[in-house]
């Protein structure tokens, strides 16, 4: 066991040394470079997807030229490089530093947009592509934070070139938040907690009226009222379902767990 631990420790130490040597080498090579050349080289590395080296060059630029437009842009580009390198925590930290350091920057709209993208963090895996990615399965906290970032962008910079895309993503996130509530309502239904299922369904109808989950929420409410022997409330709910969704399959049969989307069986 001690030998294994020694090997692991030695490996980490060597990796650290290699990283330090690489950084020192970059510092030596770029010692005489102007801020323009440093930024151009960093951009070339970023565009070539050499994110680690791009980040090192941006950091060198900021340490040597801490003021001016190049320093501002380098911090934003560092955040983007971390984002593309799938290091969201580091990317988010860089964006938040930018917001604090440059609250009046003309690039603040992009910073807010990038912050939203980092939090949005779309999963591009094969299964999610195949299943058309059900965003209701995402962490609701992440959904709310991403929505807040995009909402801030749209509110403060409604004419920004990034505003329309932010609005589209906000619509998807609202749908996802409604889906989170629906997942809880289904959970309660499957366990016979009908009052809790009614409460969740009412929340969907009240707060997420324009989402795809309202129809199912009404069906769950109707069935729940039947199960707790509230026939009048069940009938009232059914009338609302008929008026708003006259072709609903829930008018032909009561809600059942197996009426959920097919891809949930993969989870």
C-alpha atoms as a PDB file:
ATOM      1  CA  UNK A   1       0.000   0.000   0.000  1.00  0.00           C
ATOM      2  CA  UNK A   2       2.827   2.389   0.883  1.00  0.00           C
ATOM      3  CA  UNK A   3       4.531   1.672  -2.448  1.00  0.00           C
ATOM      4  CA  UNK A   4       1.337   2.458  -4.358  1.00  0.00           C
ATOM      5  CA  UNK A   5       0.851   5.686  -2.417  1.00  0.00           C
ATOM      6  CA  UNK A   6       4.468   6.654  -3.081  1.00  0.00           C
ATOM      7  CA  UNK A   7       4.051   6.078  -6.811  1.00  0.00           C
ATOM      8  CA  UNK A   8       0.851   8.165  -6.940  1.00  0.00           C
ATOM      9  CA  UNK A   9       2.432  10.975  -4.935  1.00  0.00           C
ATOM     10  CA  UNK A  10       5.523  10.941  -7.147  1.00  0.00           C
ATOM     11  CA  UNK A  11       3.346  11.028 -10.250  1.00  0.00           C
ATOM     12  CA  UNK A  12       1.431  14.054  -8.991  1.00  0.00           C
ATOM     13  CA  UNK A  13       4.650  15.814  -8.091  1.00  0.00           C
ATOM     14  CA  UNK A  14       6.117  15.182 -11.538  1.00  0.00           C
ATOM     15  CA  UNK A  15       2.921  16.430 -13.181  1.00  0.00           C
ATOM     16  CA  UNK A  16       3.108  19.579 -11.090  1.00  0.00           C
ATOM     17  CA  UNK A  17       6.717  20.105 -12.061  1.00  0.00           C
ATOM     18  CA  UNK A  18       5.886  19.620 -15.732  1.00  0.00           C
ATOM     19  CA  UNK A  19       3.102  22.184 -15.493  1.00  0.00           C
ATOM     20  CA  UNK A  20       5.388  24.666 -13.738  1.00  0.00           C
ATOM     21  CA  UNK A  21       8.120  24.122 -16.306  1.00  0.00           C
ATOM     22  CA  UNK A  22       5.661  24.708 -19.138  1.00  0.00           C
ATOM     23  CA  UNK A  23       4.462  27.932 -17.530  1.00  0.00           C
ATOM     24  CA  UNK A  24       8.052  29.097 -16.956  1.00  0.00           C
ATOM     25  CA  UNK A  25       8.888  28.296 -20.554  1.00  0.00           C
ATOM     26  CA  UNK A  26       5.931  30.338 -21.790  1.00  0.00           C
ATOM     27  CA  UNK A  27       7.010  33.214 -19.548  1.00  0.00           C
ATOM     28  CA  UNK A  28      10.525  33.153 -20.989  1.00  0.00           C
ATOM     29  CA  UNK A  29       9.443  32.843 -24.607  1.00  0.00           C
ATOM     30  CA  UNK A  30       6.925  35.667 -24.352  1.00  0.00           C
ATOM     31  CA  UNK A  31       9.047  37.981 -22.198  1.00  0.00           C
ATOM     32  CA  UNK A  32       9.594  40.574 -24.937  1.00  0.00           C
ATOM     33  CA  UNK A  33       6.150  40.280 -26.531  1.00  0.00           C
ATOM     34  CA  UNK A  34       3.867  43.280 -26.749  1.00  0.00           C
ATOM     35  CA  UNK A  35       0.329  43.114 -25.384  1.00  0.00           C
ATOM     36  CA  UNK A  36      -0.989  42.917 -28.950  1.00  0.00           C
ATOM     37  CA  UNK A  37       1.222  39.926 -29.806  1.00  0.00           C
ATOM     38  CA  UNK A  38       0.358  38.130 -26.561  1.00  0.00           C
ATOM     39  CA  UNK A  39      -3.335  38.568 -27.229  1.00  0.00           C
ATOM     40  CA  UNK A  40      -3.073  37.480 -30.848  1.00  0.00           C
ATOM     41  CA  UNK A  41      -1.147  34.329 -29.924  1.00  0.00           C
ATOM     42  CA  UNK A  42      -3.656  33.506 -27.193  1.00  0.00           C
ATOM     43  CA  UNK A  43      -6.511  33.958 -29.671  1.00  0.00           C
ATOM     44  CA  UNK A  44      -4.801  31.643 -32.138  1.00  0.00           C
ATOM     45  CA  UNK A  45      -4.487  28.970 -29.447  1.00  0.00           C
ATOM     46  CA  UNK A  46      -8.142  29.437 -28.468  1.00  0.00           C
ATOM     47  CA  UNK A  47      -9.323  29.135 -32.059  1.00  0.00           C
ATOM     48  CA  UNK A  48      -7.187  25.989 -32.428  1.00  0.00           C
ATOM     49  CA  UNK A  49      -8.882  24.528 -29.316  1.00  0.00           C
ATOM     50  CA  UNK A  50      -5.615  24.510 -27.399  1.00  0.00           C
ATOM     51  CA  UNK A  51      -7.470  25.758 -24.368  1.00  0.00           C
ATOM     52  CA  UNK A  52      -4.807  25.076 -21.729  1.00  0.00           C
ATOM     53  CA  UNK A  53      -2.152  27.071 -23.554  1.00  0.00           C
ATOM     54  CA  UNK A  54      -4.609  29.815 -24.444  1.00  0.00           C
ATOM     55  CA  UNK A  55      -5.476  30.228 -20.765  1.00  0.00           C
ATOM     56  CA  UNK A  56      -1.780  30.422 -19.826  1.00  0.00           C
ATOM     57  CA  UNK A  57      -1.176  33.159 -22.388  1.00  0.00           C
ATOM     58  CA  UNK A  58      -4.223  35.128 -21.269  1.00  0.00           C
ATOM     59  CA  UNK A  59      -3.030  34.896 -17.663  1.00  0.00           C
ATOM     60  CA  UNK A  60       0.441  36.131 -18.656  1.00  0.00           C
ATOM     61  CA  UNK A  61      -1.150  39.038 -20.483  1.00  0.00           C
ATOM     62  CA  UNK A  62      -3.232  40.029 -17.476  1.00  0.00           C
ATOM     63  CA  UNK A  63      -0.265  39.834 -15.113  1.00  0.00           C
ATOM     64  CA  UNK A  64       1.958  41.983 -17.336  1.00  0.00           C
ATOM     65  CA  UNK A  65      -0.677  44.386 -18.664  1.00  0.00           C
ATOM     66  CA  UNK A  66      -3.343  44.520 -15.923  1.00  0.00           C
ATOM     67  CA  UNK A  67      -5.122  47.575 -17.298  1.00  0.00           C
ATOM     68  CA  UNK A  68      -6.638  48.433 -20.651  1.00  0.00           C
ATOM     69  CA  UNK A  69      -8.961  46.837 -23.157  1.00  0.00           C
ATOM     70  CA  UNK A  70      -6.736  43.805 -23.766  1.00  0.00           C
ATOM     71  CA  UNK A  71      -6.804  42.866 -20.060  1.00  0.00           C
ATOM     72  CA  UNK A  72     -10.594  43.122 -20.030  1.00  0.00           C
ATOM     73  CA  UNK A  73     -11.004  40.991 -23.127  1.00  0.00           C
ATOM     74  CA  UNK A  74      -8.417  38.479 -21.937  1.00  0.00           C
ATOM     75  CA  UNK A  75     -10.457  37.798 -18.789  1.00  0.00           C
ATOM     76  CA  UNK A  76     -13.592  37.193 -20.844  1.00  0.00           C
ATOM     77  CA  UNK A  77     -11.683  34.983 -23.264  1.00  0.00           C
ATOM     78  CA  UNK A  78     -10.227  33.053 -20.331  1.00  0.00           C
ATOM     79  CA  UNK A  79     -13.758  32.371 -19.103  1.00  0.00           C
ATOM     80  CA  UNK A  80     -14.766  31.198 -22.572  1.00  0.00           C
ATOM     81  CA  UNK A  81     -11.706  28.932 -22.810  1.00  0.00           C
ATOM     82  CA  UNK A  82     -12.578  27.310 -19.488  1.00  0.00           C
ATOM     83  CA  UNK A  83     -16.169  26.904 -20.674  1.00  0.00           C
ATOM     84  CA  UNK A  84     -15.100  25.186 -23.893  1.00  0.00           C
ATOM     85  CA  UNK A  85     -12.643  23.064 -21.925  1.00  0.00           C
ATOM     86  CA  UNK A  86     -15.566  21.814 -19.797  1.00  0.00           C
ATOM     87  CA  UNK A  87     -14.401  23.479 -16.592  1.00  0.00           C
ATOM     88  CA  UNK A  88     -17.614  25.343 -15.658  1.00  0.00           C
ATOM     89  CA  UNK A  89     -16.583  26.284 -12.112  1.00  0.00           C
ATOM     90  CA  UNK A  90     -13.428  28.008 -13.353  1.00  0.00           C
ATOM     91  CA  UNK A  91     -15.333  29.646 -16.210  1.00  0.00           C
ATOM     92  CA  UNK A  92     -18.009  30.973 -13.882  1.00  0.00           C
ATOM     93  CA  UNK A  93     -15.415  32.349 -11.478  1.00  0.00           C
ATOM     94  CA  UNK A  94     -13.745  34.273 -14.310  1.00  0.00           C
ATOM     95  CA  UNK A  95     -17.040  35.774 -15.469  1.00  0.00           C
ATOM     96  CA  UNK A  96     -17.933  36.868 -11.961  1.00  0.00           C
ATOM     97  CA  UNK A  97     -14.508  38.498 -11.557  1.00  0.00           C
ATOM     98  CA  UNK A  98     -15.094  40.340 -14.820  1.00  0.00           C
ATOM     99  CA  UNK A  99     -18.465  41.636 -13.562  1.00  0.00           C
ATOM    100  CA  UNK A 100     -16.851  42.985 -10.387  1.00  0.00           C
ATOM    101  CA  UNK A 101     -13.815  44.506 -12.093  1.00  0.00           C
ATOM    102  CA  UNK A 102     -15.563  46.013 -15.113  1.00  0.00           C
ATOM    103  CA  UNK A 103     -19.194  46.844 -14.228  1.00  0.00           C
ATOM    104  CA  UNK A 104     -19.356  49.506 -16.963  1.00  0.00           C
ATOM    105  CA  UNK A 105     -17.688  47.464 -19.691  1.00  0.00           C
ATOM    106  CA  UNK A 106     -19.329  47.587 -23.142  1.00  0.00           C
ATOM    107  CA  UNK A 107     -18.868  43.796 -23.176  1.00  0.00           C
ATOM    108  CA  UNK A 108     -20.971  43.247 -20.072  1.00  0.00           C
ATOM    109  CA  UNK A 109     -23.869  41.937 -22.146  1.00  0.00           C
ATOM    110  CA  UNK A 110     -21.605  39.208 -23.500  1.00  0.00           C
ATOM    111  CA  UNK A 111     -20.366  38.436 -19.986  1.00  0.00           C
ATOM    112  CA  UNK A 112     -23.953  37.900 -18.799  1.00  0.00           C
ATOM    113  CA  UNK A 113     -24.702  35.792 -21.868  1.00  0.00           C
ATOM    114  CA  UNK A 114     -21.618  33.644 -21.269  1.00  0.00           C
ATOM    115  CA  UNK A 115     -22.597  33.267 -17.618  1.00  0.00           C
ATOM    116  CA  UNK A 116     -25.984  31.978 -18.737  1.00  0.00           C
ATOM    117  CA  UNK A 117     -24.380  29.544 -21.176  1.00  0.00           C
ATOM    118  CA  UNK A 118     -22.083  28.174 -18.483  1.00  0.00           C
ATOM    119  CA  UNK A 119     -25.020  27.596 -16.146  1.00  0.00           C
ATOM    120  CA  UNK A 120     -27.198  26.304 -18.976  1.00  0.00           C
ATOM    121  CA  UNK A 121     -24.521  23.704 -19.700  1.00  0.00           C
ATOM    122  CA  UNK A 122     -26.357  21.806 -22.404  1.00  0.00           C
ATOM    123  CA  UNK A 123     -25.682  18.067 -22.384  1.00  0.00           C
ATOM    124  CA  UNK A 124     -24.724  16.978 -25.898  1.00  0.00           C
ATOM    125  CA  UNK A 125     -24.513  13.247 -25.221  1.00  0.00           C
ATOM    126  CA  UNK A 126     -25.928  10.766 -27.732  1.00  0.00           C
ATOM    127  CA  UNK A 127     -28.770   9.600 -25.504  1.00  0.00           C
ATOM    128  CA  UNK A 128     -29.990  13.137 -24.859  1.00  0.00           C
ATOM    129  CA  UNK A 129     -29.834  13.959 -28.542  1.00  0.00           C
ATOM    130  CA  UNK A 130     -31.828  10.834 -29.332  1.00  0.00           C
ATOM    131  CA  UNK A 131     -34.399  11.639 -26.665  1.00  0.00           C
ATOM    132  CA  UNK A 132     -34.702  15.295 -27.731  1.00  0.00           C
ATOM    133  CA  UNK A 133     -33.252  16.184 -24.326  1.00  0.00           C
ATOM    134  CA  UNK A 134     -35.915  16.522 -21.655  1.00  0.00           C
ATOM    135  CA  UNK A 135     -34.681  19.549 -19.716  1.00  0.00           C
ATOM    136  CA  UNK A 136     -37.065  18.837 -16.835  1.00  0.00           C
ATOM    137  CA  UNK A 137     -34.573  16.196 -15.686  1.00  0.00           C
ATOM    138  CA  UNK A 138     -31.951  18.869 -14.993  1.00  0.00           C
ATOM    139  CA  UNK A 139     -31.158  20.227 -11.560  1.00  0.00           C
ATOM    140  CA  UNK A 140     -33.834  22.911 -10.863  1.00  0.00           C
ATOM    141  CA  UNK A 141     -31.276  25.080  -9.038  1.00  0.00           C
ATOM    142  CA  UNK A 142     -29.095  25.175 -12.160  1.00  0.00           C
ATOM    143  CA  UNK A 143     -32.174  25.965 -14.258  1.00  0.00           C
ATOM    144  CA  UNK A 144     -33.143  28.882 -12.029  1.00  0.00           C
ATOM    145  CA  UNK A 145     -29.602  30.298 -11.981  1.00  0.00           C
ATOM    146  CA  UNK A 146     -29.259  30.067 -15.757  1.00  0.00           C
ATOM    147  CA  UNK A 147     -32.665  31.703 -16.196  1.00  0.00           C
ATOM    148  CA  UNK A 148     -31.664  34.539 -13.853  1.00  0.00           C
ATOM    149  CA  UNK A 149     -28.469  35.216 -15.834  1.00  0.00           C
ATOM    150  CA  UNK A 150     -30.298  35.328 -19.166  1.00  0.00           C
ATOM    151  CA  UNK A 151     -33.098  37.429 -17.650  1.00  0.00           C
ATOM    152  CA  UNK A 152     -30.558  39.961 -16.390  1.00  0.00           C
ATOM    153  CA  UNK A 153     -29.090  40.212 -19.876  1.00  0.00           C
ATOM    154  CA  UNK A 154     -32.498  40.709 -21.522  1.00  0.00           C
ATOM    155  CA  UNK A 155     -33.602  43.265 -18.918  1.00  0.00           C
ATOM    156  CA  UNK A 156     -30.419  45.358 -18.969  1.00  0.00           C
ATOM    157  CA  UNK A 157     -29.521  44.980 -22.646  1.00  0.00           C
ATOM    158  CA  UNK A 158     -32.750  44.258 -24.579  1.00  0.00           C
ATOM    159  CA  UNK A 159     -31.125  45.271 -27.884  1.00  0.00           C
ATOM    160  CA  UNK A 160     -28.015  43.145 -27.396  1.00  0.00           C
ATOM    161  CA  UNK A 161     -27.043  40.795 -30.206  1.00  0.00           C
ATOM    162  CA  UNK A 162     -27.289  37.989 -27.609  1.00  0.00           C
ATOM    163  CA  UNK A 163     -30.775  38.895 -26.323  1.00  0.00           C
ATOM    164  CA  UNK A 164     -32.842  36.845 -28.783  1.00  0.00           C
ATOM    165  CA  UNK A 165     -30.914  33.648 -28.105  1.00  0.00           C
ATOM    166  CA  UNK A 166     -31.177  34.340 -24.377  1.00  0.00           C
ATOM    167  CA  UNK A 167     -34.963  34.625 -24.705  1.00  0.00           C
ATOM    168  CA  UNK A 168     -35.133  31.299 -26.534  1.00  0.00           C
ATOM    169  CA  UNK A 169     -33.118  29.614 -23.804  1.00  0.00           C
ATOM    170  CA  UNK A 170     -35.256  31.216 -21.097  1.00  0.00           C
ATOM    171  CA  UNK A 171     -38.362  29.683 -22.688  1.00  0.00           C
ATOM    172  CA  UNK A 172     -36.715  26.263 -22.593  1.00  0.00           C
ATOM    173  CA  UNK A 173     -35.732  26.770 -18.954  1.00  0.00           C
ATOM    174  CA  UNK A 174     -39.277  27.773 -17.954  1.00  0.00           C
ATOM    175  CA  UNK A 175     -40.465  24.533 -19.527  1.00  0.00           C
ATOM    176  CA  UNK A 176     -37.795  22.666 -17.574  1.00  0.00           C
ATOM    177  CA  UNK A 177     -38.816  24.254 -14.266  1.00  0.00           C
ATOM    178  CA  UNK A 178     -42.398  23.226 -14.925  1.00  0.00           C
ATOM    179  CA  UNK A 179     -41.112  19.749 -15.711  1.00  0.00           C
ATOM    180  CA  UNK A 180     -39.360  19.584 -12.355  1.00  0.00           C
ATOM    181  CA  UNK A 181     -42.676  20.311 -10.652  1.00  0.00           C
ATOM    182  CA  UNK A 182     -44.395  17.696 -12.793  1.00  0.00           C
ATOM    183  CA  UNK A 183     -41.807  15.085 -11.835  1.00  0.00           C
ATOM    184  CA  UNK A 184     -42.645  15.707  -8.186  1.00  0.00           C
ATOM    185  CA  UNK A 185     -46.390  15.545  -8.888  1.00  0.00           C
ATOM    186  CA  UNK A 186     -45.924  12.172 -10.609  1.00  0.00           C
ATOM    187  CA  UNK A 187     -43.857  10.952  -7.691  1.00  0.00           C
ATOM    188  CA  UNK A 188     -46.662  11.797  -5.265  1.00  0.00           C
ATOM    189  CA  UNK A 189     -49.286  10.205  -7.507  1.00  0.00           C
ATOM    190  CA  UNK A 190     -47.354   6.951  -7.726  1.00  0.00           C
ATOM    191  CA  UNK A 191     -47.226   6.819  -3.922  1.00  0.00           C
ATOM    192  CA  UNK A 192     -50.842   7.735  -3.294  1.00  0.00           C
ATOM    193  CA  UNK A 193     -50.061  11.161  -1.798  1.00  0.00           C
ATOM    194  CA  UNK A 194     -52.977  12.761  -3.603  1.00  0.00           C
ATOM    195  CA  UNK A 195     -53.179  16.065  -1.726  1.00  0.00           C
ATOM    196  CA  UNK A 196     -49.484  16.668  -2.379  1.00  0.00           C
ATOM    197  CA  UNK A 197     -49.989  15.802  -6.056  1.00  0.00           C
ATOM    198  CA  UNK A 198     -52.862  18.300  -6.252  1.00  0.00           C
ATOM    199  CA  UNK A 199     -50.733  21.042  -4.715  1.00  0.00           C
ATOM    200  CA  UNK A 200     -47.917  20.483  -7.204  1.00  0.00           C
ATOM    201  CA  UNK A 201     -50.347  20.379 -10.123  1.00  0.00           C
ATOM    202  CA  UNK A 202     -51.975  23.625  -9.006  1.00  0.00           C
ATOM    203  CA  UNK A 203     -48.541  25.242  -8.875  1.00  0.00           C
ATOM    204  CA  UNK A 204     -47.860  24.204 -12.484  1.00  0.00           C
ATOM    205  CA  UNK A 205     -51.197  25.615 -13.647  1.00  0.00           C
ATOM    206  CA  UNK A 206     -50.711  28.888 -11.746  1.00  0.00           C
ATOM    207  CA  UNK A 207     -47.032  29.560 -12.490  1.00  0.00           C
ATOM    208  CA  UNK A 208     -46.336  27.769 -15.776  1.00  0.00           C
ATOM    209  CA  UNK A 209     -49.483  28.300 -17.823  1.00  0.00           C
ATOM    210  CA  UNK A 210     -47.748  28.320 -21.190  1.00  0.00           C
ATOM    211  CA  UNK A 211     -45.854  25.064 -20.817  1.00  0.00           C
ATOM    212  CA  UNK A 212     -46.612  21.577 -22.086  1.00  0.00           C
ATOM    213  CA  UNK A 213     -47.271  20.247 -18.585  1.00  0.00           C
ATOM    214  CA  UNK A 214     -50.594  21.985 -17.873  1.00  0.00           C
ATOM    215  CA  UNK A 215     -52.642  19.294 -19.599  1.00  0.00           C
ATOM    216  CA  UNK A 216     -51.106  16.516 -17.516  1.00  0.00           C
ATOM    217  CA  UNK A 217     -51.377  18.604 -14.348  1.00  0.00           C
ATOM    218  CA  UNK A 218     -55.136  18.897 -14.881  1.00  0.00           C
ATOM    219  CA  UNK A 219     -55.397  15.132 -15.463  1.00  0.00           C
ATOM    220  CA  UNK A 220     -53.503  14.423 -12.241  1.00  0.00           C
ATOM    221  CA  UNK A 221     -55.737  16.828 -10.336  1.00  0.00           C
ATOM    222  CA  UNK A 222     -58.912  15.223 -11.656  1.00  0.00           C
ATOM    223  CA  UNK A 223     -57.787  11.726 -10.728  1.00  0.00           C
ATOM    224  CA  UNK A 224     -56.526  12.872  -7.322  1.00  0.00           C
ATOM    225  CA  UNK A 225     -59.855  14.481  -6.493  1.00  0.00           C
ATOM    226  CA  UNK A 226     -61.587  11.236  -7.433  1.00  0.00           C
ATOM    227  CA  UNK A 227     -59.258   9.256  -5.174  1.00  0.00           C
ATOM    228  CA  UNK A 228     -59.937  11.501  -2.146  1.00  0.00           C
ATOM    229  CA  UNK A 229     -63.695  11.431  -2.838  1.00  0.00           C
ATOM    230  CA  UNK A 230     -64.165  15.006  -4.023  1.00  0.00           C
ATOM    231  CA  UNK A 231     -66.433  14.399  -7.042  1.00  0.00           C
ATOM    232  CA  UNK A 232     -67.448  18.035  -7.537  1.00  0.00           C
ATOM    233  CA  UNK A 233     -63.841  19.245  -7.642  1.00  0.00           C
ATOM    234  CA  UNK A 234     -63.004  16.377 -10.006  1.00  0.00           C
ATOM    235  CA  UNK A 235     -65.871  17.407 -12.311  1.00  0.00           C
ATOM    236  CA  UNK A 236     -64.807  21.057 -12.225  1.00  0.00           C
ATOM    237  CA  UNK A 237     -61.247  20.095 -13.127  1.00  0.00           C
ATOM    238  CA  UNK A 238     -62.477  17.912 -15.975  1.00  0.00           C
ATOM    239  CA  UNK A 239     -64.466  20.827 -17.448  1.00  0.00           C
ATOM    240  CA  UNK A 240     -61.298  22.949 -17.470  1.00  0.00           C
ATOM    241  CA  UNK A 241     -59.444  20.093 -19.180  1.00  0.00           C
ATOM    242  CA  UNK A 242     -62.188  19.746 -21.812  1.00  0.00           C
ATOM    243  CA  UNK A 243     -62.276  23.474 -22.532  1.00  0.00           C
ATOM    244  CA  UNK A 244     -58.525  23.873 -22.913  1.00  0.00           C
ATOM    245  CA  UNK A 245     -57.528  20.480 -24.329  1.00  0.00           C
ATOM    246  CA  UNK A 246     -60.541  19.042 -26.190  1.00  0.00           C
ATOM    247  CA  UNK A 247     -58.380  16.362 -27.863  1.00  0.00           C
ATOM    248  CA  UNK A 248     -56.614  15.286 -24.690  1.00  0.00           C
ATOM    249  CA  UNK A 249     -56.096  11.534 -24.255  1.00  0.00           C
ATOM    250  CA  UNK A 250     -56.847  12.085 -20.552  1.00  0.00           C
ATOM    251  CA  UNK A 251     -60.488  12.648 -21.503  1.00  0.00           C
ATOM    252  CA  UNK A 252     -60.599   9.057 -22.765  1.00  0.00           C
ATOM    253  CA  UNK A 253     -58.907   7.483 -19.752  1.00  0.00           C
ATOM    254  CA  UNK A 254     -57.575   8.569 -16.397  1.00  0.00           C
ATOM    255  CA  UNK A 255     -53.936   9.499 -15.935  1.00  0.00           C
ATOM    256  CA  UNK A 256     -51.590   6.518 -15.605  1.00  0.00           C
ATOM    257  CA  UNK A 257     -47.839   6.323 -14.923  1.00  0.00           C
ATOM    258  CA  UNK A 258     -47.292   4.501 -18.222  1.00  0.00           C
ATOM    259  CA  UNK A 259     -48.599   7.543 -20.117  1.00  0.00           C
ATOM    260  CA  UNK A 260     -45.300   9.353 -19.407  1.00  0.00           C
ATOM    261  CA  UNK A 261     -42.833  10.038 -22.269  1.00  0.00           C
ATOM    262  CA  UNK A 262     -41.080   6.918 -23.564  1.00  0.00           C
ATOM    263  CA  UNK A 263     -37.501   8.109 -22.872  1.00  0.00           C
ATOM    264  CA  UNK A 264     -38.080   8.118 -19.102  1.00  0.00           C
ATOM    265  CA  UNK A 265     -37.858   4.335 -19.157  1.00  0.00           C
ATOM    266  CA  UNK A 266     -34.180   4.723 -20.052  1.00  0.00           C
ATOM    267  CA  UNK A 267     -33.397   6.525 -16.803  1.00  0.00           C
END
